[in-house]
């Protein structure tokens, strides 16, 4: 049954992503906005785990069926919108002076609705069902501490990356922008006011990845290969999962460079996210971290929008900078919790060594 669950997960998380890449290629060739395809892909790992749980469900096992079905339905709606966005062009909307592709806006409404409904359903399903699904709010104090630590490390990463880039490019433009943004009260007010609401309305997308990588695949790989080797393999397969996005969305001209950079980032973040998940047993912690990682920099250094990550330029010289700036996350591979020989049980570790 466990092998069957794994094959279902692989088929959905990787197989559907590969299949939908056809529409990503078509959208790129037609010159239309493909951001909805990227958002939808985030949901496939979650759906792979859910379908595995439902198909291989043990007799009498209590699961949050309504919440699971909501996530599946939202993903299906997002897939329909993704395909329509490629073949049915619509005029963009102007919101607060910013043009937003119509299909992208429609997909946001679907995610907003799904996030609200799913949260309510996971909340009212009862403690046993939340526990069986790994959706419990556990170890709150440690959770708050580690999220705060991630924020500190994230800004450390930004400044290290900015400083190294300035040295290599002999230009302070990026560093000046970072200093100006982080010293602006208006930017901080915008972050503090926008992030909580944005998270509540979009958390389902980030659960989409974290439920697959941290909740399901991390314990599986760590039990098979050990905690350190397992987390490194997880970072690698997480990075490989992004290959279509790296070549067809993040960049077109610099696909190999972006893909190598993606592997480095996923391994580094995977180490810290894995550490946080083992320490807290709380999937919400890594969902929040994933959300912050994808949104803080965009809101701080740009006006955001669906195309903020699109059409990047990545040089080979950027890879050493990525490694250096990501070391602050990679160092957590030395944490004692990664040295423990304890097996991972029921999706979480049964040791809490600091």
C-alpha atoms as a PDB file:
ATOM      1  CA  UNK A   1       0.000   0.000   0.000  1.00  0.00           C
ATOM      2  CA  UNK A   2       2.877   2.352   0.753  1.00  0.00           C
ATOM      3  CA  UNK A   3       4.377   1.660  -2.668  1.00  0.00           C
ATOM      4  CA  UNK A   4       0.993   2.287  -4.232  1.00  0.00           C
ATOM      5  CA  UNK A   5       0.745   5.624  -2.395  1.00  0.00           C
ATOM      6  CA  UNK A   6       4.211   6.577  -3.631  1.00  0.00           C
ATOM      7  CA  UNK A   7       3.378   5.760  -7.244  1.00  0.00           C
ATOM      8  CA  UNK A   8       0.170   7.786  -7.000  1.00  0.00           C
ATOM      9  CA  UNK A   9       2.148  10.710  -5.584  1.00  0.00           C
ATOM     10  CA  UNK A  10       4.774  10.513  -8.335  1.00  0.00           C
ATOM     11  CA  UNK A  11       2.115  10.207 -11.041  1.00  0.00           C
ATOM     12  CA  UNK A  12       0.273  13.314  -9.864  1.00  0.00           C
ATOM     13  CA  UNK A  13       3.125  15.524  -8.628  1.00  0.00           C
ATOM     14  CA  UNK A  14       5.468  14.808 -11.541  1.00  0.00           C
ATOM     15  CA  UNK A  15       3.272  13.214 -14.215  1.00  0.00           C
ATOM     16  CA  UNK A  16       0.552  15.857 -14.252  1.00  0.00           C
ATOM     17  CA  UNK A  17       3.196  18.608 -14.057  1.00  0.00           C
ATOM     18  CA  UNK A  18       4.877  17.147 -17.147  1.00  0.00           C
ATOM     19  CA  UNK A  19       1.551  16.805 -18.960  1.00  0.00           C
ATOM     20  CA  UNK A  20       0.505  20.375 -18.208  1.00  0.00           C
ATOM     21  CA  UNK A  21       3.890  21.575 -19.461  1.00  0.00           C
ATOM     22  CA  UNK A  22       2.464  21.099 -22.945  1.00  0.00           C
ATOM     23  CA  UNK A  23       0.138  24.019 -22.268  1.00  0.00           C
ATOM     24  CA  UNK A  24       3.020  25.962 -20.766  1.00  0.00           C
ATOM     25  CA  UNK A  25       4.910  25.555 -24.037  1.00  0.00           C
ATOM     26  CA  UNK A  26       1.843  26.486 -26.089  1.00  0.00           C
ATOM     27  CA  UNK A  27       1.162  29.525 -23.919  1.00  0.00           C
ATOM     28  CA  UNK A  28       4.744  30.658 -24.245  1.00  0.00           C
ATOM     29  CA  UNK A  29       4.619  30.303 -28.044  1.00  0.00           C
ATOM     30  CA  UNK A  30       1.333  32.220 -28.193  1.00  0.00           C
ATOM     31  CA  UNK A  31       2.685  35.023 -26.019  1.00  0.00           C
ATOM     32  CA  UNK A  32      -0.014  34.753 -23.333  1.00  0.00           C
ATOM     33  CA  UNK A  33       0.307  34.967 -19.569  1.00  0.00           C
ATOM     34  CA  UNK A  34       1.098  31.519 -18.146  1.00  0.00           C
ATOM     35  CA  UNK A  35       1.229  32.380 -14.439  1.00  0.00           C
ATOM     36  CA  UNK A  36      -1.958  30.391 -13.735  1.00  0.00           C
ATOM     37  CA  UNK A  37      -0.208  27.212 -14.890  1.00  0.00           C
ATOM     38  CA  UNK A  38       2.590  27.886 -12.406  1.00  0.00           C
ATOM     39  CA  UNK A  39       0.184  28.521  -9.534  1.00  0.00           C
ATOM     40  CA  UNK A  40      -1.756  25.371 -10.363  1.00  0.00           C
ATOM     41  CA  UNK A  41       1.377  23.227 -10.436  1.00  0.00           C
ATOM     42  CA  UNK A  42       1.936  24.079  -6.759  1.00  0.00           C
ATOM     43  CA  UNK A  43      -1.225  22.098  -5.965  1.00  0.00           C
ATOM     44  CA  UNK A  44      -0.203  18.803  -7.594  1.00  0.00           C
ATOM     45  CA  UNK A  45       1.963  17.426  -4.733  1.00  0.00           C
ATOM     46  CA  UNK A  46      -0.936  17.990  -2.312  1.00  0.00           C
ATOM     47  CA  UNK A  47      -3.340  16.215  -4.656  1.00  0.00           C
ATOM     48  CA  UNK A  48      -0.906  13.313  -5.016  1.00  0.00           C
ATOM     49  CA  UNK A  49      -0.827  12.797  -1.251  1.00  0.00           C
ATOM     50  CA  UNK A  50      -4.595  13.215  -0.871  1.00  0.00           C
ATOM     51  CA  UNK A  51      -5.439  10.725  -3.628  1.00  0.00           C
ATOM     52  CA  UNK A  52      -2.975   8.249  -2.167  1.00  0.00           C
ATOM     53  CA  UNK A  53      -4.585   8.578   1.254  1.00  0.00           C
ATOM     54  CA  UNK A  54      -8.114   8.237  -0.125  1.00  0.00           C
ATOM     55  CA  UNK A  55      -7.410   5.341  -2.503  1.00  0.00           C
ATOM     56  CA  UNK A  56      -5.344   3.414   0.062  1.00  0.00           C
ATOM     57  CA  UNK A  57      -7.474   4.394   3.029  1.00  0.00           C
ATOM     58  CA  UNK A  58      -7.533   1.861   5.840  1.00  0.00           C
ATOM     59  CA  UNK A  59     -10.881   0.660   7.134  1.00  0.00           C
ATOM     60  CA  UNK A  60     -12.074   2.943   9.911  1.00  0.00           C
ATOM     61  CA  UNK A  61      -9.362   5.550   9.290  1.00  0.00           C
ATOM     62  CA  UNK A  62     -10.765   9.010   9.938  1.00  0.00           C
ATOM     63  CA  UNK A  63      -9.662  11.687   7.498  1.00  0.00           C
ATOM     64  CA  UNK A  64     -10.862  15.256   6.765  1.00  0.00           C
ATOM     65  CA  UNK A  65     -12.667  14.156   3.603  1.00  0.00           C
ATOM     66  CA  UNK A  66     -14.459  17.463   3.042  1.00  0.00           C
ATOM     67  CA  UNK A  67     -11.198  19.433   3.258  1.00  0.00           C
ATOM     68  CA  UNK A  68      -9.460  16.977   0.953  1.00  0.00           C
ATOM     69  CA  UNK A  69     -12.239  17.101  -1.624  1.00  0.00           C
ATOM     70  CA  UNK A  70     -12.193  20.900  -1.509  1.00  0.00           C
ATOM     71  CA  UNK A  71      -8.471  20.894  -2.341  1.00  0.00           C
ATOM     72  CA  UNK A  72      -9.038  18.473  -5.240  1.00  0.00           C
ATOM     73  CA  UNK A  73     -11.947  20.492  -6.648  1.00  0.00           C
ATOM     74  CA  UNK A  74      -9.993  23.761  -6.405  1.00  0.00           C
ATOM     75  CA  UNK A  75      -7.094  22.146  -8.260  1.00  0.00           C
ATOM     76  CA  UNK A  76      -9.389  20.909 -11.010  1.00  0.00           C
ATOM     77  CA  UNK A  77     -10.906  24.384 -11.395  1.00  0.00           C
ATOM     78  CA  UNK A  78      -7.406  25.865 -11.555  1.00  0.00           C
ATOM     79  CA  UNK A  79      -6.459  23.359 -14.261  1.00  0.00           C
ATOM     80  CA  UNK A  80      -9.487  24.366 -16.324  1.00  0.00           C
ATOM     81  CA  UNK A  81      -8.603  28.056 -15.948  1.00  0.00           C
ATOM     82  CA  UNK A  82      -4.989  27.227 -16.883  1.00  0.00           C
ATOM     83  CA  UNK A  83      -6.035  25.644 -20.182  1.00  0.00           C
ATOM     84  CA  UNK A  84      -8.517  28.429 -20.948  1.00  0.00           C
ATOM     85  CA  UNK A  85      -5.830  31.061 -20.309  1.00  0.00           C
ATOM     86  CA  UNK A  86      -3.803  29.570 -23.180  1.00  0.00           C
ATOM     87  CA  UNK A  87      -6.571  29.347 -25.787  1.00  0.00           C
ATOM     88  CA  UNK A  88      -9.064  32.074 -24.809  1.00  0.00           C
ATOM     89  CA  UNK A  89      -7.336  35.465 -24.575  1.00  0.00           C
ATOM     90  CA  UNK A  90      -9.096  38.099 -22.461  1.00  0.00           C
ATOM     91  CA  UNK A  91      -8.358  41.772 -21.936  1.00  0.00           C
ATOM     92  CA  UNK A  92      -6.501  42.450 -18.681  1.00  0.00           C
ATOM     93  CA  UNK A  93      -8.065  44.265 -15.747  1.00  0.00           C
ATOM     94  CA  UNK A  94      -6.592  47.405 -14.221  1.00  0.00           C
ATOM     95  CA  UNK A  95      -6.455  47.239 -10.424  1.00  0.00           C
ATOM     96  CA  UNK A  96      -4.901  50.147  -8.518  1.00  0.00           C
ATOM     97  CA  UNK A  97      -3.186  51.316 -11.671  1.00  0.00           C
ATOM     98  CA  UNK A  98      -1.677  47.878 -12.366  1.00  0.00           C
ATOM     99  CA  UNK A  99      -2.689  45.627 -15.238  1.00  0.00           C
ATOM    100  CA  UNK A 100      -3.582  42.098 -14.142  1.00  0.00           C
ATOM    101  CA  UNK A 101      -4.242  39.325 -16.691  1.00  0.00           C
ATOM    102  CA  UNK A 102      -7.916  38.361 -16.523  1.00  0.00           C
ATOM    103  CA  UNK A 103      -7.397  34.623 -16.117  1.00  0.00           C
ATOM    104  CA  UNK A 104      -4.819  35.235 -13.416  1.00  0.00           C
ATOM    105  CA  UNK A 105      -7.331  37.340 -11.498  1.00  0.00           C
ATOM    106  CA  UNK A 106     -10.011  34.663 -11.872  1.00  0.00           C
ATOM    107  CA  UNK A 107      -7.591  32.029 -10.570  1.00  0.00           C
ATOM    108  CA  UNK A 108      -6.832  34.203  -7.551  1.00  0.00           C
ATOM    109  CA  UNK A 109     -10.533  34.321  -6.709  1.00  0.00           C
ATOM    110  CA  UNK A 110     -10.667  30.518  -6.905  1.00  0.00           C
ATOM    111  CA  UNK A 111      -7.653  30.206  -4.590  1.00  0.00           C
ATOM    112  CA  UNK A 112      -9.126  32.776  -2.186  1.00  0.00           C
ATOM    113  CA  UNK A 113     -12.391  30.859  -1.981  1.00  0.00           C
ATOM    114  CA  UNK A 114     -10.633  27.515  -1.688  1.00  0.00           C
ATOM    115  CA  UNK A 115      -8.285  28.728   1.063  1.00  0.00           C
ATOM    116  CA  UNK A 116     -11.150  30.100   3.155  1.00  0.00           C
ATOM    117  CA  UNK A 117     -13.397  27.057   2.727  1.00  0.00           C
ATOM    118  CA  UNK A 118     -10.571  24.534   3.232  1.00  0.00           C
ATOM    119  CA  UNK A 119      -9.350  26.258   6.401  1.00  0.00           C
ATOM    120  CA  UNK A 120     -12.834  26.180   7.891  1.00  0.00           C
ATOM    121  CA  UNK A 121     -13.284  22.506   6.963  1.00  0.00           C
ATOM    122  CA  UNK A 122      -9.904  21.502   8.402  1.00  0.00           C
ATOM    123  CA  UNK A 123     -10.718  23.472  11.552  1.00  0.00           C
ATOM    124  CA  UNK A 124     -14.130  21.936  12.221  1.00  0.00           C
ATOM    125  CA  UNK A 125     -13.262  18.346  11.217  1.00  0.00           C
ATOM    126  CA  UNK A 126     -12.085  17.446  14.731  1.00  0.00           C
ATOM    127  CA  UNK A 127      -8.753  16.747  16.421  1.00  0.00           C
ATOM    128  CA  UNK A 128      -8.477  13.128  15.340  1.00  0.00           C
ATOM    129  CA  UNK A 129      -8.972  13.863  11.653  1.00  0.00           C
ATOM    130  CA  UNK A 130      -6.565  16.809  11.813  1.00  0.00           C
ATOM    131  CA  UNK A 131      -3.991  14.601  13.504  1.00  0.00           C
ATOM    132  CA  UNK A 132      -4.412  11.806  10.948  1.00  0.00           C
ATOM    133  CA  UNK A 133      -3.968  14.303   8.136  1.00  0.00           C
ATOM    134  CA  UNK A 134      -0.993  16.112   9.699  1.00  0.00           C
ATOM    135  CA  UNK A 135      -2.887  19.410   9.822  1.00  0.00           C
ATOM    136  CA  UNK A 136      -2.736  19.954  13.591  1.00  0.00           C
ATOM    137  CA  UNK A 137      -1.378  23.184  15.072  1.00  0.00           C
ATOM    138  CA  UNK A 138       1.394  21.734  17.253  1.00  0.00           C
ATOM    139  CA  UNK A 139       4.349  23.079  19.272  1.00  0.00           C
ATOM    140  CA  UNK A 140       3.220  26.691  18.914  1.00  0.00           C
ATOM    141  CA  UNK A 141       6.144  28.242  20.845  1.00  0.00           C
ATOM    142  CA  UNK A 142       8.767  26.461  18.760  1.00  0.00           C
ATOM    143  CA  UNK A 143       6.765  27.272  15.653  1.00  0.00           C
ATOM    144  CA  UNK A 144       6.775  31.019  16.384  1.00  0.00           C
ATOM    145  CA  UNK A 145      10.493  30.962  17.207  1.00  0.00           C
ATOM    146  CA  UNK A 146      11.427  29.154  13.994  1.00  0.00           C
ATOM    147  CA  UNK A 147       9.272  31.351  11.766  1.00  0.00           C
ATOM    148  CA  UNK A 148      10.897  34.413  13.352  1.00  0.00           C
ATOM    149  CA  UNK A 149      14.322  32.833  12.815  1.00  0.00           C
ATOM    150  CA  UNK A 150      13.479  32.208   9.171  1.00  0.00           C
ATOM    151  CA  UNK A 151      12.592  35.882   8.705  1.00  0.00           C
ATOM    152  CA  UNK A 152      15.955  36.906  10.166  1.00  0.00           C
ATOM    153  CA  UNK A 153      17.803  34.407   7.979  1.00  0.00           C
ATOM    154  CA  UNK A 154      15.847  35.483   4.920  1.00  0.00           C
ATOM    155  CA  UNK A 155      16.957  39.096   5.284  1.00  0.00           C
ATOM    156  CA  UNK A 156      20.471  37.855   5.963  1.00  0.00           C
ATOM    157  CA  UNK A 157      20.292  35.959   2.681  1.00  0.00           C
ATOM    158  CA  UNK A 158      19.070  39.080   0.847  1.00  0.00           C
ATOM    159  CA  UNK A 159      21.924  41.244   2.140  1.00  0.00           C
ATOM    160  CA  UNK A 160      24.614  38.599   1.584  1.00  0.00           C
ATOM    161  CA  UNK A 161      23.341  38.038  -1.943  1.00  0.00           C
ATOM    162  CA  UNK A 162      23.141  41.786  -2.614  1.00  0.00           C
ATOM    163  CA  UNK A 163      26.661  42.404  -1.288  1.00  0.00           C
ATOM    164  CA  UNK A 164      28.192  39.535  -3.270  1.00  0.00           C
ATOM    165  CA  UNK A 165      26.393  40.623  -6.441  1.00  0.00           C
ATOM    166  CA  UNK A 166      27.707  44.160  -6.003  1.00  0.00           C
ATOM    167  CA  UNK A 167      31.267  42.815  -5.717  1.00  0.00           C
ATOM    168  CA  UNK A 168      30.958  40.642  -8.826  1.00  0.00           C
ATOM    169  CA  UNK A 169      29.075  43.141 -11.014  1.00  0.00           C
ATOM    170  CA  UNK A 170      30.919  46.228  -9.719  1.00  0.00           C
ATOM    171  CA  UNK A 171      27.558  47.917  -9.280  1.00  0.00           C
ATOM    172  CA  UNK A 172      25.736  48.981  -6.128  1.00  0.00           C
ATOM    173  CA  UNK A 173      22.368  49.331  -7.858  1.00  0.00           C
ATOM    174  CA  UNK A 174      20.830  46.196  -6.331  1.00  0.00           C
ATOM    175  CA  UNK A 175      22.283  46.848  -2.896  1.00  0.00           C
ATOM    176  CA  UNK A 176      21.078  50.461  -2.943  1.00  0.00           C
ATOM    177  CA  UNK A 177      17.575  49.268  -3.831  1.00  0.00           C
ATOM    178  CA  UNK A 178      17.635  46.769  -0.959  1.00  0.00           C
ATOM    179  CA  UNK A 179      18.849  49.352   1.573  1.00  0.00           C
ATOM    180  CA  UNK A 180      16.288  51.875   0.381  1.00  0.00           C
ATOM    181  CA  UNK A 181      13.459  49.326   0.628  1.00  0.00           C
ATOM    182  CA  UNK A 182      14.417  48.013   4.070  1.00  0.00           C
ATOM    183  CA  UNK A 183      14.809  51.528   5.456  1.00  0.00           C
ATOM    184  CA  UNK A 184      11.421  52.677   4.182  1.00  0.00           C
ATOM    185  CA  UNK A 185       8.640  52.793   6.820  1.00  0.00           C
ATOM    186  CA  UNK A 186       6.060  52.668   4.021  1.00  0.00           C
ATOM    187  CA  UNK A 187       7.469  49.369   2.755  1.00  0.00           C
ATOM    188  CA  UNK A 188       7.386  47.833   6.230  1.00  0.00           C
ATOM    189  CA  UNK A 189       3.848  49.039   6.842  1.00  0.00           C
ATOM    190  CA  UNK A 190       2.854  47.548   3.505  1.00  0.00           C
ATOM    191  CA  UNK A 191       4.458  44.218   4.412  1.00  0.00           C
ATOM    192  CA  UNK A 192       2.918  44.040   7.868  1.00  0.00           C
ATOM    193  CA  UNK A 193      -0.552  44.881   6.606  1.00  0.00           C
ATOM    194  CA  UNK A 194      -0.516  42.855   3.376  1.00  0.00           C
ATOM    195  CA  UNK A 195       1.157  39.599   4.365  1.00  0.00           C
ATOM    196  CA  UNK A 196      -1.316  38.243   6.975  1.00  0.00           C
ATOM    197  CA  UNK A 197      -4.364  38.732   4.756  1.00  0.00           C
ATOM    198  CA  UNK A 198      -2.546  37.491   1.657  1.00  0.00           C
ATOM    199  CA  UNK A 199      -1.477  34.359   3.531  1.00  0.00           C
ATOM    200  CA  UNK A 200      -4.991  33.610   4.765  1.00  0.00           C
ATOM    201  CA  UNK A 201      -6.335  33.964   1.224  1.00  0.00           C
ATOM    202  CA  UNK A 202      -3.630  31.908  -0.508  1.00  0.00           C
ATOM    203  CA  UNK A 203      -2.246  29.412   2.039  1.00  0.00           C
ATOM    204  CA  UNK A 204      -3.746  26.468   0.137  1.00  0.00           C
ATOM    205  CA  UNK A 205      -1.228  26.940  -2.705  1.00  0.00           C
ATOM    206  CA  UNK A 206       1.710  26.717  -0.318  1.00  0.00           C
ATOM    207  CA  UNK A 207       0.216  23.736   1.464  1.00  0.00           C
ATOM    208  CA  UNK A 208       0.062  22.328  -2.058  1.00  0.00           C
ATOM    209  CA  UNK A 209       3.833  21.964  -2.105  1.00  0.00           C
ATOM    210  CA  UNK A 210       4.619  21.521   1.575  1.00  0.00           C
ATOM    211  CA  UNK A 211       2.124  18.695   2.080  1.00  0.00           C
ATOM    212  CA  UNK A 212       3.930  16.759  -0.623  1.00  0.00           C
ATOM    213  CA  UNK A 213       7.547  17.583   0.181  1.00  0.00           C
ATOM    214  CA  UNK A 214       7.683  17.954   3.954  1.00  0.00           C
ATOM    215  CA  UNK A 215       4.656  16.025   5.255  1.00  0.00           C
ATOM    216  CA  UNK A 216       4.818  13.065   2.880  1.00  0.00           C
ATOM    217  CA  UNK A 217       8.141  12.716   1.077  1.00  0.00           C
ATOM    218  CA  UNK A 218      10.553  13.896   3.791  1.00  0.00           C
ATOM    219  CA  UNK A 219       9.725  11.128   6.312  1.00  0.00           C
ATOM    220  CA  UNK A 220       9.701   8.574   3.508  1.00  0.00           C
ATOM    221  CA  UNK A 221      13.183   9.493   2.276  1.00  0.00           C
ATOM    222  CA  UNK A 222      14.639   9.932   5.759  1.00  0.00           C
ATOM    223  CA  UNK A 223      13.443   6.505   6.834  1.00  0.00           C
ATOM    224  CA  UNK A 224      14.971   5.018   3.698  1.00  0.00           C
ATOM    225  CA  UNK A 225      18.285   6.887   3.515  1.00  0.00           C
ATOM    226  CA  UNK A 226      18.774   8.479   6.946  1.00  0.00           C
ATOM    227  CA  UNK A 227      17.985  11.989   8.051  1.00  0.00           C
ATOM    228  CA  UNK A 228      20.841  13.875   6.402  1.00  0.00           C
ATOM    229  CA  UNK A 229      21.014  11.964   3.133  1.00  0.00           C
ATOM    230  CA  UNK A 230      17.219  11.859   2.969  1.00  0.00           C
ATOM    231  CA  UNK A 231      16.870  15.620   3.295  1.00  0.00           C
ATOM    232  CA  UNK A 232      19.520  16.201   0.614  1.00  0.00           C
ATOM    233  CA  UNK A 233      17.751  13.820  -1.763  1.00  0.00           C
ATOM    234  CA  UNK A 234      14.482  15.604  -1.018  1.00  0.00           C
ATOM    235  CA  UNK A 235      16.063  18.947  -1.940  1.00  0.00           C
ATOM    236  CA  UNK A 236      17.267  17.436  -5.204  1.00  0.00           C
ATOM    237  CA  UNK A 237      13.908  15.939  -6.219  1.00  0.00           C
ATOM    238  CA  UNK A 238      12.155  19.160  -5.157  1.00  0.00           C
ATOM    239  CA  UNK A 239      14.484  21.118  -7.433  1.00  0.00           C
ATOM    240  CA  UNK A 240      13.976  18.659 -10.313  1.00  0.00           C
ATOM    241  CA  UNK A 241      10.219  19.155  -9.988  1.00  0.00           C
ATOM    242  CA  UNK A 242      10.747  22.816 -11.018  1.00  0.00           C
ATOM    243  CA  UNK A 243      12.536  21.994 -14.282  1.00  0.00           C
ATOM    244  CA  UNK A 244       9.643  22.936 -16.584  1.00  0.00           C
ATOM    245  CA  UNK A 245       9.114  26.221 -14.709  1.00  0.00           C
ATOM    246  CA  UNK A 246      12.843  27.000 -14.833  1.00  0.00           C
ATOM    247  CA  UNK A 247      13.047  26.607 -18.608  1.00  0.00           C
ATOM    248  CA  UNK A 248       9.611  27.905 -19.610  1.00  0.00           C
ATOM    249  CA  UNK A 249       8.642  30.577 -17.081  1.00  0.00           C
ATOM    250  CA  UNK A 250      11.379  31.860 -14.776  1.00  0.00           C
ATOM    251  CA  UNK A 251      13.637  32.285 -17.796  1.00  0.00           C
ATOM    252  CA  UNK A 252      13.802  31.251 -21.434  1.00  0.00           C
ATOM    253  CA  UNK A 253      17.356  32.166 -22.434  1.00  0.00           C
ATOM    254  CA  UNK A 254      19.108  31.011 -19.245  1.00  0.00           C
ATOM    255  CA  UNK A 255      17.324  27.732 -18.494  1.00  0.00           C
ATOM    256  CA  UNK A 256      20.409  25.643 -17.545  1.00  0.00           C
ATOM    257  CA  UNK A 257      21.710  28.345 -15.196  1.00  0.00           C
ATOM    258  CA  UNK A 258      18.309  28.831 -13.584  1.00  0.00           C
ATOM    259  CA  UNK A 259      17.835  25.090 -13.168  1.00  0.00           C
ATOM    260  CA  UNK A 260      21.211  24.713 -11.413  1.00  0.00           C
ATOM    261  CA  UNK A 261      20.359  27.684  -9.205  1.00  0.00           C
ATOM    262  CA  UNK A 262      16.985  26.101  -8.409  1.00  0.00           C
ATOM    263  CA  UNK A 263      18.680  22.893  -7.232  1.00  0.00           C
ATOM    264  CA  UNK A 264      20.959  24.875  -4.898  1.00  0.00           C
ATOM    265  CA  UNK A 265      18.042  26.876  -3.479  1.00  0.00           C
ATOM    266  CA  UNK A 266      15.816  23.822  -2.965  1.00  0.00           C
ATOM    267  CA  UNK A 267      18.542  21.860  -1.212  1.00  0.00           C
ATOM    268  CA  UNK A 268      19.371  24.806   1.077  1.00  0.00           C
ATOM    269  CA  UNK A 269      15.771  25.698   1.903  1.00  0.00           C
ATOM    270  CA  UNK A 270      14.929  22.004   2.160  1.00  0.00           C
ATOM    271  CA  UNK A 271      17.523  21.633   4.916  1.00  0.00           C
ATOM    272  CA  UNK A 272      16.063  24.472   6.977  1.00  0.00           C
ATOM    273  CA  UNK A 273      12.422  23.627   6.244  1.00  0.00           C
ATOM    274  CA  UNK A 274      13.152  20.000   7.104  1.00  0.00           C
ATOM    275  CA  UNK A 275      14.784  21.060  10.357  1.00  0.00           C
ATOM    276  CA  UNK A 276      11.771  23.221  11.235  1.00  0.00           C
ATOM    277  CA  UNK A 277       9.337  20.417  10.432  1.00  0.00           C
ATOM    278  CA  UNK A 278      11.207  17.870  12.535  1.00  0.00           C
ATOM    279  CA  UNK A 279      11.408  20.288  15.456  1.00  0.00           C
ATOM    280  CA  UNK A 280       7.732  21.251  15.447  1.00  0.00           C
ATOM    281  CA  UNK A 281       5.797  18.405  13.779  1.00  0.00           C
ATOM    282  CA  UNK A 282       3.755  21.312  12.407  1.00  0.00           C
ATOM    283  CA  UNK A 283       3.230  21.532   8.640  1.00  0.00           C
ATOM    284  CA  UNK A 284       1.845  25.051   9.086  1.00  0.00           C
ATOM    285  CA  UNK A 285       5.353  26.247   9.978  1.00  0.00           C
ATOM    286  CA  UNK A 286       6.843  25.339   6.604  1.00  0.00           C
ATOM    287  CA  UNK A 287       3.711  26.534   4.794  1.00  0.00           C
ATOM    288  CA  UNK A 288       4.244  29.971   6.372  1.00  0.00           C
ATOM    289  CA  UNK A 289       7.972  29.908   5.587  1.00  0.00           C
ATOM    290  CA  UNK A 290       7.313  28.939   1.974  1.00  0.00           C
ATOM    291  CA  UNK A 291       4.784  31.757   1.683  1.00  0.00           C
ATOM    292  CA  UNK A 292       7.216  34.305   3.165  1.00  0.00           C
ATOM    293  CA  UNK A 293      10.044  33.132   0.919  1.00  0.00           C
ATOM    294  CA  UNK A 294       7.909  33.614  -2.193  1.00  0.00           C
ATOM    295  CA  UNK A 295       6.338  36.931  -1.217  1.00  0.00           C
ATOM    296  CA  UNK A 296       8.497  39.097   1.063  1.00  0.00           C
ATOM    297  CA  UNK A 297      11.190  39.867  -1.493  1.00  0.00           C
ATOM    298  CA  UNK A 298       8.661  40.513  -4.260  1.00  0.00           C
ATOM    299  CA  UNK A 299       6.615  42.922  -2.143  1.00  0.00           C
ATOM    300  CA  UNK A 300       9.703  44.601  -0.711  1.00  0.00           C
ATOM    301  CA  UNK A 301      11.741  45.096  -3.876  1.00  0.00           C
ATOM    302  CA  UNK A 302       9.054  45.400  -6.542  1.00  0.00           C
ATOM    303  CA  UNK A 303       5.372  46.077  -7.014  1.00  0.00           C
ATOM    304  CA  UNK A 304       4.615  42.355  -7.003  1.00  0.00           C
ATOM    305  CA  UNK A 305       2.194  41.067  -9.614  1.00  0.00           C
ATOM    306  CA  UNK A 306       1.935  37.795 -11.452  1.00  0.00           C
ATOM    307  CA  UNK A 307       5.001  38.401 -13.595  1.00  0.00           C
ATOM    308  CA  UNK A 308       7.435  39.258 -10.809  1.00  0.00           C
ATOM    309  CA  UNK A 309       9.330  35.958 -11.195  1.00  0.00           C
ATOM    310  CA  UNK A 310       9.069  35.732 -14.969  1.00  0.00           C
ATOM    311  CA  UNK A 311      11.791  36.203 -17.602  1.00  0.00           C
ATOM    312  CA  UNK A 312      14.721  36.420 -15.197  1.00  0.00           C
ATOM    313  CA  UNK A 313      18.313  36.694 -16.351  1.00  0.00           C
ATOM    314  CA  UNK A 314      20.625  34.263 -14.546  1.00  0.00           C
ATOM    315  CA  UNK A 315      24.340  34.147 -15.341  1.00  0.00           C
ATOM    316  CA  UNK A 316      26.699  31.326 -14.426  1.00  0.00           C
ATOM    317  CA  UNK A 317      28.498  33.772 -12.136  1.00  0.00           C
ATOM    318  CA  UNK A 318      25.301  33.983 -10.064  1.00  0.00           C
ATOM    319  CA  UNK A 319      25.609  30.349  -8.944  1.00  0.00           C
ATOM    320  CA  UNK A 320      28.563  30.837  -6.544  1.00  0.00           C
ATOM    321  CA  UNK A 321      26.709  33.844  -5.103  1.00  0.00           C
ATOM    322  CA  UNK A 322      23.644  31.658  -4.558  1.00  0.00           C
ATOM    323  CA  UNK A 323      25.747  29.049  -2.759  1.00  0.00           C
ATOM    324  CA  UNK A 324      27.408  31.635  -0.494  1.00  0.00           C
ATOM    325  CA  UNK A 325      24.155  33.399   0.379  1.00  0.00           C
ATOM    326  CA  UNK A 326      22.354  30.090   1.019  1.00  0.00           C
ATOM    327  CA  UNK A 327      25.012  28.809   3.432  1.00  0.00           C
ATOM    328  CA  UNK A 328      23.036  30.276   6.351  1.00  0.00           C
ATOM    329  CA  UNK A 329      20.327  27.698   5.625  1.00  0.00           C
ATOM    330  CA  UNK A 330      22.699  24.865   4.728  1.00  0.00           C
ATOM    331  CA  UNK A 331      24.477  25.036   8.101  1.00  0.00           C
ATOM    332  CA  UNK A 332      21.410  23.542   9.755  1.00  0.00           C
ATOM    333  CA  UNK A 333      22.406  20.173   8.286  1.00  0.00           C
ATOM    334  CA  UNK A 334      24.861  20.102  11.229  1.00  0.00           C
ATOM    335  CA  UNK A 335      22.039  20.388  13.795  1.00  0.00           C
ATOM    336  CA  UNK A 336      21.962  17.481  16.282  1.00  0.00           C
ATOM    337  CA  UNK A 337      18.442  16.516  15.213  1.00  0.00           C
ATOM    338  CA  UNK A 338      19.900  15.451  11.852  1.00  0.00           C
ATOM    339  CA  UNK A 339      22.376  13.189  13.681  1.00  0.00           C
ATOM    340  CA  UNK A 340      19.742  11.166  15.506  1.00  0.00           C
ATOM    341  CA  UNK A 341      19.236   7.574  14.411  1.00  0.00           C
ATOM    342  CA  UNK A 342      15.577   7.674  15.439  1.00  0.00           C
ATOM    343  CA  UNK A 343      13.210   6.638  12.672  1.00  0.00           C
ATOM    344  CA  UNK A 344      10.492   8.960  11.436  1.00  0.00           C
ATOM    345  CA  UNK A 345       7.079   7.678  12.506  1.00  0.00           C
ATOM    346  CA  UNK A 346       3.646   8.779  11.269  1.00  0.00           C
ATOM    347  CA  UNK A 347       5.114  11.553   9.198  1.00  0.00           C
ATOM    348  CA  UNK A 348       7.065  13.201  12.059  1.00  0.00           C
ATOM    349  CA  UNK A 349      10.213  12.456  14.015  1.00  0.00           C
ATOM    350  CA  UNK A 350       9.927  11.014  17.497  1.00  0.00           C
ATOM    351  CA  UNK A 351      12.947  12.877  18.838  1.00  0.00           C
ATOM    352  CA  UNK A 352      13.256  16.574  19.610  1.00  0.00           C
ATOM    353  CA  UNK A 353      16.974  17.098  20.222  1.00  0.00           C
ATOM    354  CA  UNK A 354      17.979  20.749  19.944  1.00  0.00           C
END
